[in-house]
C-alpha atoms as a PDB file:
ATOM      1  CA  MET A   1       0.000   0.000   0.000  1.00  0.00           C
ATOM      2  CA  GLY A   2       1.093   3.512  -0.794  1.00  0.00           C
ATOM      3  CA  GLN A   3       3.840   2.413  -3.193  1.00  0.00           C
ATOM      4  CA  LYS A   4       3.358   4.762  -6.140  1.00  0.00           C
ATOM      5  CA  VAL A   5       5.566   5.017  -9.225  1.00  0.00           C
ATOM      6  CA  HIS A   6       6.282   8.247 -11.079  1.00  0.00           C
ATOM      7  CA  PRO A   7       4.440   8.252 -14.455  1.00  0.00           C
ATOM      8  CA  TYR A   8       7.474   9.738 -16.176  1.00  0.00           C
ATOM      9  CA  GLY A   9      10.069   7.275 -14.835  1.00  0.00           C
ATOM     10  CA  PHE A  10       7.669   4.348 -15.381  1.00  0.00           C
ATOM     11  CA  ARG A  11       7.562   5.071 -19.160  1.00  0.00           C
ATOM     12  CA  LEU A  12      11.178   6.198 -19.571  1.00  0.00           C
ATOM     13  CA  GLY A  13      12.733   4.498 -22.575  1.00  0.00           C
ATOM     14  CA  ILE A  14       9.357   3.340 -23.897  1.00  0.00           C
ATOM     15  CA  ILE A  15       7.437   6.466 -24.886  1.00  0.00           C
ATOM     16  CA  ARG A  16       9.483   9.040 -22.924  1.00  0.00           C
ATOM     17  CA  GLN A  17      13.038  10.346 -23.400  1.00  0.00           C
ATOM     18  CA  SER A  18      15.454  11.503 -20.727  1.00  0.00           C
ATOM     19  CA  LYS A  19      15.403  15.202 -19.829  1.00  0.00           C
ATOM     20  CA  SER A  20      19.189  15.223 -19.290  1.00  0.00           C
ATOM     21  CA  ARG A  21      20.983  13.850 -22.335  1.00  0.00           C
ATOM     22  CA  TRP A  22      24.712  13.341 -21.793  1.00  0.00           C
ATOM     23  CA  PHE A  23      27.180  10.645 -20.741  1.00  0.00           C
ATOM     24  CA  ALA A  24      29.827  10.831 -18.020  1.00  0.00           C
ATOM     25  CA  GLU A  25      31.652   8.549 -15.571  1.00  0.00           C
ATOM     26  CA  GLY A  26      33.028   8.835 -12.038  1.00  0.00           C
ATOM     27  CA  GLN A  27      33.538  12.295 -10.621  1.00  0.00           C
ATOM     28  CA  GLN A  28      32.447  13.942 -13.877  1.00  0.00           C
ATOM     29  CA  TYR A  29      29.029  12.308 -13.583  1.00  0.00           C
ATOM     30  CA  ARG A  30      28.523  13.746 -10.093  1.00  0.00           C
ATOM     31  CA  ASP A  31      29.607  17.208 -11.225  1.00  0.00           C
ATOM     32  CA  TYR A  32      27.243  17.206 -14.214  1.00  0.00           C
ATOM     33  CA  LEU A  33      24.326  16.010 -12.076  1.00  0.00           C
ATOM     34  CA  ILE A  34      24.801  18.773  -9.497  1.00  0.00           C
ATOM     35  CA  GLU A  35      25.148  21.376 -12.240  1.00  0.00           C
ATOM     36  CA  ASP A  36      21.868  20.248 -13.852  1.00  0.00           C
ATOM     37  CA  ILE A  37      19.976  20.487 -10.554  1.00  0.00           C
ATOM     38  CA  LYS A  38      21.307  23.974  -9.857  1.00  0.00           C
ATOM     39  CA  MET A  39      20.481  25.265 -13.335  1.00  0.00           C
ATOM     40  CA  ARG A  40      16.925  23.863 -13.259  1.00  0.00           C
ATOM     41  CA  ASN A  41      16.181  25.392  -9.859  1.00  0.00           C
ATOM     42  CA  TYR A  42      17.591  28.752 -10.901  1.00  0.00           C
ATOM     43  CA  ILE A  43      15.507  28.869 -14.108  1.00  0.00           C
ATOM     44  CA  LYS A  44      12.307  28.000 -12.230  1.00  0.00           C
ATOM     45  CA  ASP A  45      12.966  30.636  -9.543  1.00  0.00           C
ATOM     46  CA  VAL A  46      13.864  33.419 -11.970  1.00  0.00           C
ATOM     47  CA  LEU A  47      11.123  32.606 -14.482  1.00  0.00           C
ATOM     48  CA  ASN A  48       8.416  31.638 -12.028  1.00  0.00           C
ATOM     49  CA  ASP A  49       5.734  33.615 -13.912  1.00  0.00           C
ATOM     50  CA  ALA A  50       6.755  32.437 -17.421  1.00  0.00           C
ATOM     51  CA  SER A  51       4.664  29.203 -17.262  1.00  0.00           C
ATOM     52  CA  ILE A  52       7.627  26.868 -17.916  1.00  0.00           C
ATOM     53  CA  SER A  53       6.483  23.342 -18.698  1.00  0.00           C
ATOM     54  CA  ASP A  54       9.793  21.535 -19.241  1.00  0.00           C
ATOM     55  CA  ILE A  55      13.584  22.006 -19.287  1.00  0.00           C
ATOM     56  CA  VAL A  56      15.873  19.747 -21.362  1.00  0.00           C
ATOM     57  CA  ILE A  57      19.672  19.803 -20.998  1.00  0.00           C
ATOM     58  CA  GLU A  58      22.042  18.313 -23.592  1.00  0.00           C
ATOM     59  CA  ARG A  59      25.844  18.176 -23.334  1.00  0.00           C
ATOM     60  CA  ALA A  60      28.047  17.446 -26.355  1.00  0.00           C
ATOM     61  CA  GLY A  61      31.387  18.737 -27.640  1.00  0.00           C
ATOM     62  CA  GLY A  62      32.064  21.082 -24.704  1.00  0.00           C
ATOM     63  CA  THR A  63      28.698  22.854 -25.141  1.00  0.00           C
ATOM     64  CA  ALA A  64      25.591  22.581 -22.943  1.00  0.00           C
ATOM     65  CA  THR A  65      22.353  23.265 -24.820  1.00  0.00           C
ATOM     66  CA  ILE A  66      19.423  24.201 -22.562  1.00  0.00           C
ATOM     67  CA  THR A  67      15.958  24.085 -24.155  1.00  0.00           C
ATOM     68  CA  ILE A  68      13.213  25.926 -22.243  1.00  0.00           C
ATOM     69  CA  GLN A  69       9.623  25.027 -23.171  1.00  0.00           C
ATOM     70  CA  THR A  70       7.244  27.759 -22.041  1.00  0.00           C
ATOM     71  CA  ALA A  71       3.731  29.000 -22.724  1.00  0.00           C
ATOM     72  CA  LYS A  72       4.962  32.648 -22.576  1.00  0.00           C
ATOM     73  CA  PRO A  73       8.145  32.868 -24.647  1.00  0.00           C
ATOM     74  CA  GLY A  74       8.038  36.676 -24.656  1.00  0.00           C
ATOM     75  CA  ILE A  75       8.715  36.821 -20.921  1.00  0.00           C
ATOM     76  CA  VAL A  76      11.748  34.520 -21.254  1.00  0.00           C
ATOM     77  CA  ILE A  77      13.264  36.324 -24.244  1.00  0.00           C
ATOM     78  CA  GLY A  78      12.654  39.868 -23.042  1.00  0.00           C
ATOM     79  CA  ARG A  79      13.068  43.068 -25.018  1.00  0.00           C
ATOM     80  CA  ALA A  80      15.538  42.559 -27.923  1.00  0.00           C
ATOM     81  CA  GLY A  81      16.692  39.303 -26.277  1.00  0.00           C
ATOM     82  CA  GLN A  82      18.280  41.015 -23.270  1.00  0.00           C
ATOM     83  CA  ASP A  83      16.737  38.657 -20.711  1.00  0.00           C
ATOM     84  CA  VAL A  84      17.951  35.566 -22.586  1.00  0.00           C
ATOM     85  CA  ASP A  85      21.528  36.922 -22.744  1.00  0.00           C
ATOM     86  CA  ARG A  86      21.480  37.697 -19.052  1.00  0.00           C
ATOM     87  CA  LEU A  87      20.177  34.191 -18.277  1.00  0.00           C
ATOM     88  CA  ARG A  88      22.817  32.559 -20.501  1.00  0.00           C
ATOM     89  CA  ARG A  89      25.682  34.389 -18.777  1.00  0.00           C
ATOM     90  CA  LYS A  90      24.369  33.367 -15.368  1.00  0.00           C
ATOM     91  CA  LEU A  91      24.083  29.696 -16.393  1.00  0.00           C
ATOM     92  CA  GLU A  92      27.650  29.700 -17.793  1.00  0.00           C
ATOM     93  CA  SER A  93      28.883  30.746 -14.346  1.00  0.00           C
ATOM     94  CA  MET A  94      27.281  27.599 -12.885  1.00  0.00           C
ATOM     95  CA  THR A  95      29.071  25.167 -15.228  1.00  0.00           C
ATOM     96  CA  THR A  96      32.466  24.710 -16.854  1.00  0.00           C
ATOM     97  CA  MET A  97      30.984  24.442 -20.349  1.00  0.00           C
ATOM     98  CA  LYS A  98      29.792  26.938 -22.892  1.00  0.00           C
ATOM     99  CA  VAL A  99      25.991  27.400 -22.631  1.00  0.00           C
ATOM    100  CA  ARG A 100      23.476  27.922 -25.410  1.00  0.00           C
ATOM    101  CA  VAL A 101      19.805  28.667 -24.597  1.00  0.00           C
ATOM    102  CA  ASN A 102      16.873  27.738 -26.830  1.00  0.00           C
ATOM    103  CA  VAL A 103      13.304  28.888 -26.173  1.00  0.00           C
ATOM    104  CA  GLU A 104      10.346  26.866 -27.479  1.00  0.00           C
ATOM    105  CA  GLU A 105       6.647  27.584 -27.156  1.00  0.00           C
ATOM    106  CA  THR A 106       4.526  24.920 -25.471  1.00  0.00           C
ATOM    107  CA  ARG A 107       1.741  23.596 -27.668  1.00  0.00           C
ATOM    108  CA  GLU A 108      -1.748  23.333 -26.134  1.00  0.00           C
ATOM    109  CA  PRO A 109      -0.982  24.729 -22.638  1.00  0.00           C
ATOM    110  CA  ASP A 110      -4.547  23.982 -21.469  1.00  0.00           C
ATOM    111  CA  ILE A 111      -3.886  20.211 -21.529  1.00  0.00           C
ATOM    112  CA  ASN A 112      -0.300  20.308 -20.215  1.00  0.00           C
ATOM    113  CA  ALA A 113      -0.244  18.663 -16.775  1.00  0.00           C
ATOM    114  CA  GLN A 114       2.558  20.838 -15.366  1.00  0.00           C
ATOM    115  CA  LEU A 115       0.900  24.095 -16.406  1.00  0.00           C
ATOM    116  CA  ILE A 116      -2.504  22.951 -15.035  1.00  0.00           C
ATOM    117  CA  ALA A 117      -0.913  22.150 -11.642  1.00  0.00           C
ATOM    118  CA  GLU A 118       0.797  25.559 -11.496  1.00  0.00           C
ATOM    119  CA  ASN A 119      -2.473  27.290 -12.381  1.00  0.00           C
ATOM    120  CA  ILE A 120      -4.323  25.527  -9.518  1.00  0.00           C
ATOM    121  CA  ALA A 121      -1.499  26.416  -7.090  1.00  0.00           C
ATOM    122  CA  ARG A 122      -1.608  30.121  -8.076  1.00  0.00           C
ATOM    123  CA  GLN A 123      -5.364  30.221  -7.485  1.00  0.00           C
ATOM    124  CA  ILE A 124      -5.005  28.607  -4.040  1.00  0.00           C
ATOM    125  CA  GLU A 125      -2.415  31.248  -3.151  1.00  0.00           C
ATOM    126  CA  ARG A 126      -5.008  33.911  -4.028  1.00  0.00           C
ATOM    127  CA  ARG A 127      -7.447  32.205  -1.620  1.00  0.00           C
ATOM    128  CA  VAL A 128      -9.650  30.756  -4.357  1.00  0.00           C
ATOM    129  CA  SER A 129     -11.614  27.651  -3.396  1.00  0.00           C
ATOM    130  CA  TYR A 130      -9.520  24.615  -4.237  1.00  0.00           C
ATOM    131  CA  ARG A 131     -12.630  22.657  -5.288  1.00  0.00           C
ATOM    132  CA  ARG A 132     -13.613  25.346  -7.765  1.00  0.00           C
ATOM    133  CA  ALA A 133     -10.040  25.643  -9.064  1.00  0.00           C
ATOM    134  CA  MET A 134      -9.788  21.876  -9.697  1.00  0.00           C
ATOM    135  CA  ARG A 135     -13.217  21.626 -11.300  1.00  0.00           C
ATOM    136  CA  GLN A 136     -12.529  24.478 -13.740  1.00  0.00           C
ATOM    137  CA  ALA A 137      -9.121  23.042 -14.669  1.00  0.00           C
ATOM    138  CA  ILE A 138     -10.596  19.601 -15.413  1.00  0.00           C
ATOM    139  CA  GLU A 139     -13.456  21.007 -17.492  1.00  0.00           C
ATOM    140  CA  ARG A 140     -11.097  23.188 -19.518  1.00  0.00           C
ATOM    141  CA  ALA A 141      -8.720  20.284 -20.210  1.00  0.00           C
ATOM    142  CA  MET A 142     -11.531  17.961 -21.330  1.00  0.00           C
ATOM    143  CA  ARG A 143     -12.940  20.689 -23.550  1.00  0.00           C
ATOM    144  CA  MET A 144      -9.539  21.191 -25.224  1.00  0.00           C
ATOM    145  CA  GLY A 145      -9.175  17.524 -26.221  1.00  0.00           C
ATOM    146  CA  ALA A 146      -7.845  15.571 -23.237  1.00  0.00           C
ATOM    147  CA  GLU A 147      -9.200  12.014 -22.915  1.00  0.00           C
ATOM    148  CA  GLY A 148      -8.907  11.907 -19.116  1.00  0.00           C
ATOM    149  CA  THR A 149      -7.903  14.176 -16.203  1.00  0.00           C
ATOM    150  CA  ARG A 150      -7.365  13.703 -12.503  1.00  0.00           C
ATOM    151  CA  CYS A 151      -6.342  16.201  -9.751  1.00  0.00           C
ATOM    152  CA  ILE A 152      -5.348  15.894  -6.084  1.00  0.00           C
ATOM    153  CA  VAL A 153      -4.516  18.646  -3.567  1.00  0.00           C
ATOM    154  CA  SER A 154      -3.014  17.937  -0.131  1.00  0.00           C
ATOM    155  CA  GLY A 155      -2.177  20.083   2.949  1.00  0.00           C
ATOM    156  CA  ARG A 156      -3.957  22.432   5.332  1.00  0.00           C
ATOM    157  CA  LEU A 157      -6.812  23.089   2.966  1.00  0.00           C
ATOM    158  CA  GLY A 158      -8.771  26.213   3.866  1.00  0.00           C
ATOM    159  CA  GLY A 159      -6.395  26.857   6.860  1.00  0.00           C
ATOM    160  CA  ALA A 160      -7.524  23.726   8.694  1.00  0.00           C
ATOM    161  CA  GLU A 161      -5.343  22.605  11.584  1.00  0.00           C
ATOM    162  CA  ILE A 162      -5.309  19.000  10.325  1.00  0.00           C
ATOM    163  CA  ALA A 163      -3.945  18.402   6.808  1.00  0.00           C
ATOM    164  CA  ARG A 164      -5.986  16.314   4.406  1.00  0.00           C
ATOM    165  CA  SER A 165      -6.251  15.425   0.728  1.00  0.00           C
ATOM    166  CA  GLU A 166      -9.038  16.247  -1.698  1.00  0.00           C
ATOM    167  CA  SER A 167      -9.315  14.883  -5.230  1.00  0.00           C
ATOM    168  CA  ALA A 168     -11.362  15.679  -8.314  1.00  0.00           C
ATOM    169  CA  GLY A 169     -11.987  13.156 -11.029  1.00  0.00           C
ATOM    170  CA  PRO A 170     -10.891  11.098 -12.690  1.00  0.00           C
ATOM    171  CA  GLU A 171     -12.843  12.551 -15.577  1.00  0.00           C
ATOM    172  CA  GLY A 172     -12.594  10.169 -18.545  1.00  0.00           C
ATOM    173  CA  ARG A 173      -9.892   7.476 -18.603  1.00  0.00           C
ATOM    174  CA  VAL A 174      -6.506   7.708 -16.873  1.00  0.00           C
ATOM    175  CA  PRO A 175      -4.777   4.304 -17.407  1.00  0.00           C
ATOM    176  CA  LEU A 176      -1.740   4.620 -15.131  1.00  0.00           C
ATOM    177  CA  GLN A 177      -0.584   1.019 -15.648  1.00  0.00           C
ATOM    178  CA  THR A 178      -0.605   1.122 -19.463  1.00  0.00           C
ATOM    179  CA  LEU A 179       2.884   1.782 -20.777  1.00  0.00           C
ATOM    180  CA  ARG A 180       1.781   2.962 -24.203  1.00  0.00           C
ATOM    181  CA  ALA A 181      -0.666   5.446 -22.647  1.00  0.00           C
ATOM    182  CA  ASP A 182       0.488   9.060 -23.042  1.00  0.00           C
ATOM    183  CA  VAL A 183      -0.085  10.172 -19.454  1.00  0.00           C
ATOM    184  CA  GLU A 184       1.478  13.498 -18.389  1.00  0.00           C
ATOM    185  CA  TYR A 185       2.158  14.241 -14.731  1.00  0.00           C
ATOM    186  CA  GLY A 186       2.531  17.695 -13.199  1.00  0.00           C
ATOM    187  CA  PHE A 187       3.321  18.860  -9.668  1.00  0.00           C
ATOM    188  CA  ALA A 188       3.305  22.341  -8.135  1.00  0.00           C
ATOM    189  CA  GLU A 189       3.237  23.854  -4.611  1.00  0.00           C
ATOM    190  CA  ALA A 190       1.121  26.705  -3.358  1.00  0.00           C
ATOM    191  CA  HIS A 191       2.920  28.811  -0.717  1.00  0.00           C
ATOM    192  CA  THR A 192       0.270  30.051   1.740  1.00  0.00           C
ATOM    193  CA  GLY A 193       0.424  31.732   5.197  1.00  0.00           C
ATOM    194  CA  TYR A 194      -0.646  28.489   6.907  1.00  0.00           C
ATOM    195  CA  GLY A 195       1.709  26.130   5.024  1.00  0.00           C
ATOM    196  CA  HIS A 196       2.452  24.565   1.648  1.00  0.00           C
ATOM    197  CA  ILE A 197      -0.287  22.873  -0.371  1.00  0.00           C
ATOM    198  CA  GLY A 198       0.747  20.416  -3.031  1.00  0.00           C
ATOM    199  CA  CYS A 199      -1.119  19.980  -6.318  1.00  0.00           C
ATOM    200  CA  LYS A 200      -0.847  16.862  -8.519  1.00  0.00           C
ATOM    201  CA  VAL A 201      -2.378  16.532 -11.976  1.00  0.00           C
ATOM    202  CA  TRP A 202      -2.588  13.589 -14.403  1.00  0.00           C
ATOM    203  CA  VAL A 203      -3.674  14.150 -18.014  1.00  0.00           C
ATOM    204  CA  TYR A 204      -4.284  11.287 -20.452  1.00  0.00           C
ATOM    205  CA  LYS A 205      -3.906  12.236 -24.148  1.00  0.00           C
ATOM    206  CA  GLY A 206      -4.298   8.862 -25.823  1.00  0.00           C
ATOM    207  CA  ASP A 207      -2.091   5.913 -26.699  1.00  0.00           C
ATOM    208  CA  ILE A 208       1.259   6.129 -28.472  1.00  0.00           C
ATOM    209  CA  LEU A 209       1.281   3.047 -30.684  1.00  0.00           C
ATOM    210  CA  PRO A 210       4.397   1.648 -32.370  1.00  0.00           C
ATOM    211  CA  LYS A 211       4.842   2.378 -36.026  1.00  0.00           C
ATOM    212  CA  LYS A 212       3.270  -0.146 -38.356  1.00  0.00           C
ATOM    213  CA  PRO A 213       5.782  -2.211 -40.324  1.00  0.00           C
ATOM    214  CA  GLU A 214       6.096  -0.942 -43.846  1.00  0.00           C
ATOM    215  CA  PRO A 215       4.947  -3.368 -46.541  1.00  0.00           C
ATOM    216  CA  GLN A 216       7.887  -5.215 -47.979  1.00  0.00           C
ATOM    217  CA  PRO A 217       8.469  -4.416 -51.631  1.00  0.00           C
ATOM    218  CA  GLU A 218       8.124  -7.190 -54.149  1.00  0.00           C
ATOM    219  CA  GLU A 219      11.182  -9.088 -55.176  1.00  0.00           C
ATOM    220  CA  ILE A 220      13.043  -7.093 -57.759  1.00  0.00           C
ATOM    221  CA  THR A 221      14.901  -9.017 -60.403  1.00  0.00           C
ATOM    222  CA  ALA A 222      18.551  -8.214 -60.602  1.00  0.00           C
ATOM    223  CA  GLU A 223      19.300  -5.766 -63.356  1.00  0.00           C
ATOM    224  CA  PRO A 224      21.921  -6.884 -65.907  1.00  0.00           C
ATOM    225  CA  GLN A 225      25.354  -5.502 -65.345  1.00  0.00           C
ATOM    226  CA  PRO A 226      26.959  -3.227 -67.985  1.00  0.00           C
ATOM    227  CA  ASP A 227      29.231  -6.070 -69.159  1.00  0.00           C
ATOM    228  CA  GLU A 228      26.228  -8.353 -69.749  1.00  0.00           C
ATOM    229  CA  ILE A 229      24.432  -5.590 -71.658  1.00  0.00           C
ATOM    230  CA  THR A 230      27.421  -5.081 -73.985  1.00  0.00           C
ATOM    231  CA  LEU A 231      27.674  -8.824 -74.636  1.00  0.00           C
ATOM    232  CA  GLU A 232      23.958  -9.061 -75.453  1.00  0.00           C
ATOM    233  CA  THR A 233      24.161  -6.110 -77.835  1.00  0.00           C
ATOM    234  CA  GLU A 234      27.172  -7.607 -79.598  1.00  0.00           C
ATOM    235  CA  GLU A 235      25.397 -10.964 -80.041  1.00  0.00           C
ATOM    236  CA  ALA A 236      22.299  -9.220 -81.365  1.00  0.00           C
ATOM    237  CA  ALA A 237      24.404  -7.215 -83.814  1.00  0.00           C
ATOM    238  CA  GLU A 238      26.033 -10.431 -85.076  1.00  0.00           C
ATOM    239  CA  THR A 239      22.771 -12.343 -85.485  1.00  0.00           C
ATOM    240  CA  GLU A 240      20.830  -9.534 -87.185  1.00  0.00           C
ATOM    241  CA  PRO A 241      22.884  -9.498 -90.471  1.00  0.00           C
ATOM    242  CA  ALA A 242      22.666 -13.309 -90.764  1.00  0.00           C
ATOM    243  CA  ALA A 243      18.900 -13.198 -90.258  1.00  0.00           C
ATOM    244  CA  GLU A 244      18.541 -10.451 -92.861  1.00  0.00           C
ATOM    245  CA  VAL A 245      20.583 -12.442 -95.421  1.00  0.00           C
ATOM    246  CA  ALA A 246      18.504 -15.578 -94.811  1.00  0.00           C
ATOM    247  CA  SER A 247      15.253 -13.659 -95.218  1.00  0.00           C
ATOM    248  CA  THR A 248      16.427 -12.085 -98.487  1.00  0.00           C
ATOM    249  CA  GLN A 249      17.452 -15.496 -99.821  1.00  0.00           C
ATOM    250  CA  LEU A 250      14.042 -16.990 -98.979  1.00  0.00           C
ATOM    251  CA  ALA A 251      12.266 -14.066-100.645  1.00  0.00           C
ATOM    252  CA  ALA A 252      14.407 -14.355-103.795  1.00  0.00           C
ATOM    253  CA  ALA A 253      13.989 -18.158-104.168  1.00  0.00           C
ATOM    254  CA  PRO A 254      10.357 -18.143-105.500  1.00  0.00           C
ATOM    255  CA  ALA A 255      11.136 -15.282-107.840  1.00  0.00           C
ATOM    256  CA  ALA A 256      14.107 -17.188-109.274  1.00  0.00           C
ATOM    257  CA  GLU A 257      11.945 -20.268-109.920  1.00  0.00           C
ATOM    258  CA  ASP A 258       9.283 -18.266-111.794  1.00  0.00           C
ATOM    259  CA  THR A 259      11.683 -16.324-113.979  1.00  0.00           C
ATOM    260  CA  ASP A 260      13.195 -17.966-117.136  1.00  0.00           C
ATOM    261  CA  THR A 261      16.495 -17.347-118.748  1.00  0.00           C
ATOM    262  CA  PRO A 262      16.595 -14.846-121.650  1.00  0.00           C
ATOM    263  CA  ALA A 263      17.063 -17.657-124.218  1.00  0.00           C
ATOM    264  CA  GLU A 264      14.023 -19.597-122.958  1.00  0.00           C
ATOM    265  CA  ALA A 265      11.925 -16.438-123.015  1.00  0.00           C
ATOM    266  CA  ALA A 266      12.905 -15.738-126.636  1.00  0.00           C
ATOM    267  CA  ASP A 267      11.995 -19.322-127.699  1.00  0.00           C
ATOM    268  CA  ALA A 268       8.601 -18.989-126.016  1.00  0.00           C
ATOM    269  CA  GLU A 269       7.909 -15.749-127.864  1.00  0.00           C
ATOM    270  CA  THR A 270       8.781 -17.298-131.226  1.00  0.00           C
ATOM    271  CA  GLU A 271       6.525 -20.310-130.600  1.00  0.00           C
ATOM    272  CA  GLU A 272       3.619 -17.974-129.809  1.00  0.00           C
ATOM    273  CA  THR A 273       4.146 -16.008-133.013  1.00  0.00           C
ATOM    274  CA  THR A 274       4.361 -19.158-135.202  1.00  0.00           C
ATOM    275  CA  ALA A 275       1.260 -20.788-133.681  1.00  0.00           C
ATOM    276  CA  PRO A 276      -1.484 -21.625-136.299  1.00  0.00           C
ATOM    277  CA  ALA A 277      -4.209 -19.104-136.821  1.00  0.00           C
ATOM    278  CA  GLU A 278      -6.870 -21.679-136.029  1.00  0.00           C
ATOM    279  CA  ASP A 279      -5.703 -21.898-132.416  1.00  0.00           C
ATOM    280  CA  LEU A 280      -5.720 -18.102-132.055  1.00  0.00           C
ATOM    281  CA  GLU A 281      -9.197 -17.576-133.541  1.00  0.00           C
ATOM    282  CA  ILE A 282     -11.906 -16.751-131.045  1.00  0.00           C
ATOM    283  CA  ALA A 283     -15.366 -18.105-131.745  1.00  0.00           C
ATOM    284  CA  GLU A 284     -17.895 -15.375-132.165  1.00  0.00           C
ATOM    285  CA  PRO A 285     -21.141 -15.718-130.212  1.00  0.00           C
ATOM    286  CA  GLU A 286     -23.943 -17.251-132.335  1.00  0.00           C
ATOM    287  CA  THR A 287     -27.156 -15.323-132.784  1.00  0.00           C
ATOM    288  CA  ALA A 288     -30.528 -16.998-132.629  1.00  0.00           C
ATOM    289  CA  ASN A 289     -33.626 -14.919-133.288  1.00  0.00           C
ATOM    290  CA  GLY A 290     -31.628 -11.720-132.825  1.00  0.00           C
ATOM    291  CA  VAL A 291     -30.368 -12.793-129.364  1.00  0.00           C
ATOM    292  CA  THR A 292     -26.725 -13.354-128.837  1.00  0.00           C
ATOM    293  CA  GLN A 293     -25.808 -16.569-127.112  1.00  0.00           C
ATOM    294  CA  ASP A 294     -22.968 -16.776-124.742  1.00  0.00           C
ATOM    295  CA  PRO A 295     -20.439 -19.261-126.042  1.00  0.00           C
ATOM    296  CA  THR A 296     -20.056 -20.609-122.508  1.00  0.00           C
ATOM    297  CA  ASP A 297     -23.791 -21.544-122.440  1.00  0.00           C
ATOM    298  CA  SER A 298     -23.661 -23.576-125.708  1.00  0.00           C
ATOM    299  CA  ALA A 299     -23.426 -27.353-125.696  1.00  0.00           C
ATOM    300  CA  PRO A 300     -19.984 -28.845-125.453  1.00  0.00           C
ATOM    301  CA  ALA A 301     -18.257 -29.401-128.788  1.00  0.00           C
ATOM    302  CA  GLU A 302     -18.561 -32.876-130.301  1.00  0.00           C
ATOM    303  CA  GLU A 303     -15.473 -34.948-130.381  1.00  0.00           C
ATOM    304  CA  PRO A 304     -14.170 -35.704-133.873  1.00  0.00           C
ATOM    305  CA  GLU A 305     -15.016 -39.184-135.127  1.00  0.00           C
ATOM    306  CA  THR A 306     -12.097 -41.515-135.390  1.00  0.00           C
ATOM    307  CA  GLU A 307     -11.687 -43.321-138.727  1.00  0.00           C
ATOM    308  CA  GLN A 308     -12.265 -47.032-138.362  1.00  0.00           C
ATOM    309  CA  PRO A 309      -9.972 -49.289-140.359  1.00  0.00           C
ATOM    310  CA  THR A 310     -11.604 -50.708-143.568  1.00  0.00           C
ATOM    311  CA  GLU A 311     -11.864 -54.477-143.801  1.00  0.00           C
ATOM    312  CA  GLU A 312     -10.491 -56.037-146.942  1.00  0.00           C
ATOM    313  CA  PRO A 313     -12.783 -58.620-148.767  1.00  0.00           C
ATOM    314  CA  VAL A 314     -11.905 -62.234-148.110  1.00  0.00           C
ATOM    315  CA  SER A 315     -11.846 -64.497-151.120  1.00  0.00           C
ATOM    316  CA  GLU A 316     -13.232 -68.085-151.295  1.00  0.00           C
ATOM    317  CA  ALA A 317      -9.841 -69.471-152.064  1.00  0.00           C
ATOM    318  CA  ASP A 318      -8.511 -68.052-148.842  1.00  0.00           C
ATOM    319  CA  THR A 319     -11.369 -69.518-146.811  1.00  0.00           C
ATOM    320  CA  LYS A 320     -10.867 -72.916-148.400  1.00  0.00           C
ATOM    321  CA  GLN A 321      -7.211 -72.771-147.679  1.00  0.00           C
ATOM    322  CA  GLU A 322      -7.942 -71.954-144.041  1.00  0.00           C
ATOM    323  CA  THR A 323     -10.413 -74.808-143.691  1.00  0.00           C
ATOM    324  CA  GLU A 324      -8.038 -77.249-145.226  1.00  0.00           C
ATOM    325  CA  GLU A 325      -5.390 -76.223-142.818  1.00  0.00           C
ATOM    326  CA  ASP A 326      -7.700 -76.525-139.775  1.00  0.00           C
ATOM    327  CA  PRO A 327      -9.343 -80.013-139.487  1.00  0.00           C
ATOM    328  CA  LEU A 328     -11.782 -78.886-136.812  1.00  0.00           C
ATOM    329  CA  VAL A 329     -13.192 -76.175-138.997  1.00  0.00           C
ATOM    330  CA  ALA A 330     -13.532 -78.635-141.891  1.00  0.00           C
ATOM    331  CA  ALA A 331     -15.517 -81.027-139.745  1.00  0.00           C
ATOM    332  CA  LEU A 332     -17.932 -78.322-138.731  1.00  0.00           C
ATOM    333  CA  GLN A 333     -18.475 -77.262-142.296  1.00  0.00           C
ATOM    334  CA  GLY A 334     -19.268 -80.836-143.283  1.00  0.00           C
ATOM    335  CA  ASP A 335     -22.001 -81.096-140.642  1.00  0.00           C
ATOM    336  CA  ASP A 336     -23.599 -77.916-141.926  1.00  0.00           C
ATOM    337  CA  GLU A 337     -23.724 -79.211-145.448  1.00  0.00           C
ATOM    338  CA  THR A 338     -25.466 -82.426-144.376  1.00  0.00           C
ATOM    339  CA  GLU A 339     -28.144 -80.491-142.478  1.00  0.00           C
ATOM    340  CA  THR A 340     -28.933 -78.340-145.494  1.00  0.00           C
ATOM    341  CA  ALA A 341     -29.131 -81.418-147.748  1.00  0.00           C
ATOM    342  CA  GLY A 342     -31.633 -83.084-145.414  1.00  0.00           C
ATOM    343  CA  GLU A 343     -33.901 -80.036-145.281  1.00  0.00           C
ATOM    344  CA  GLU A 344     -34.242 -79.635-149.067  1.00  0.00           C
ATOM    345  CA  PRO A 345     -36.351 -82.853-149.675  1.00  0.00           C
ATOM    346  CA  SER A 346     -38.837 -81.868-146.949  1.00  0.00           C
ATOM    347  CA  ASP A 347     -39.385 -78.604-148.636  1.00  0.00           C
ATOM    348  CA  ALA A 348     -39.889 -80.356-151.940  1.00  0.00           C
ATOM    349  CA  ASN A 349     -42.463 -82.740-150.471  1.00  0.00           C
ATOM    350  CA  SER A 350     -44.385 -79.936-148.924  1.00  0.00           C
END
């Protein structure tokens, strides 16, 4: 019970960065730490009314750079920068390094936890009701875009003899145990005639999420090196002439087959001139009843009749000679003669 952790130290290295950025060892580390504490206290005492929200100290290369974040930069700078020069000279006397001062304006002071706590403390010093001061601060912060606010004041509230604590809120969400939650913490003290009254403020501004991984680009094919490009161009230059020659040869081959030699062409011309006139005559279209007939519609031409060989007359002597030579034929002829002889008497009787 009662073991609280500071919201800033709890998130240091996760969503918060250190307010003193330098590296040292041994005795030098102790010296730098004491110098930082002295310079911070001096700036807050001198510029108490400048609404300072944060102080960042960086040491590098023999130079200490002090960045002051304030809601009223005009008060810190002064007329023609005189107040800044005076402050820089005073800070150089507190350290062994050269000092450079930067002034930055705090964005959205109405939702800055440190500035809200200082505002409540100034009102309590003017004897304003602490309940009213806390309620107005919470309403203003929520109206300006805060997602959650919480306030606590402790001490002799209203001049009471017994100290006590009063709280307002939380209004909205204040996730103190969430590391990614952007929770700001501010503390200020009100110096009154009856004692000191502390004011604590927590302001939740949303979550700080890690960056989404960028989509990996597609695999890119390796580009050819200059040597490979020269080799490819040389090969292409060598192959192109050969391809052109082959294509010309193929195109010339059909033309060479169709064309004849001059001697053959002359012979063909002479044959055409000596051709008979009958072959060159064109049949005129026949007219029938005053209507011309297309030669293509006429009946096909009749084929010329072929001359049949004439048979020579066969004499009786030749037939007798053939029968005498062939016994079979002679026998047949004898049978015929007998049949004719037998038929003659029947005819006579009839």
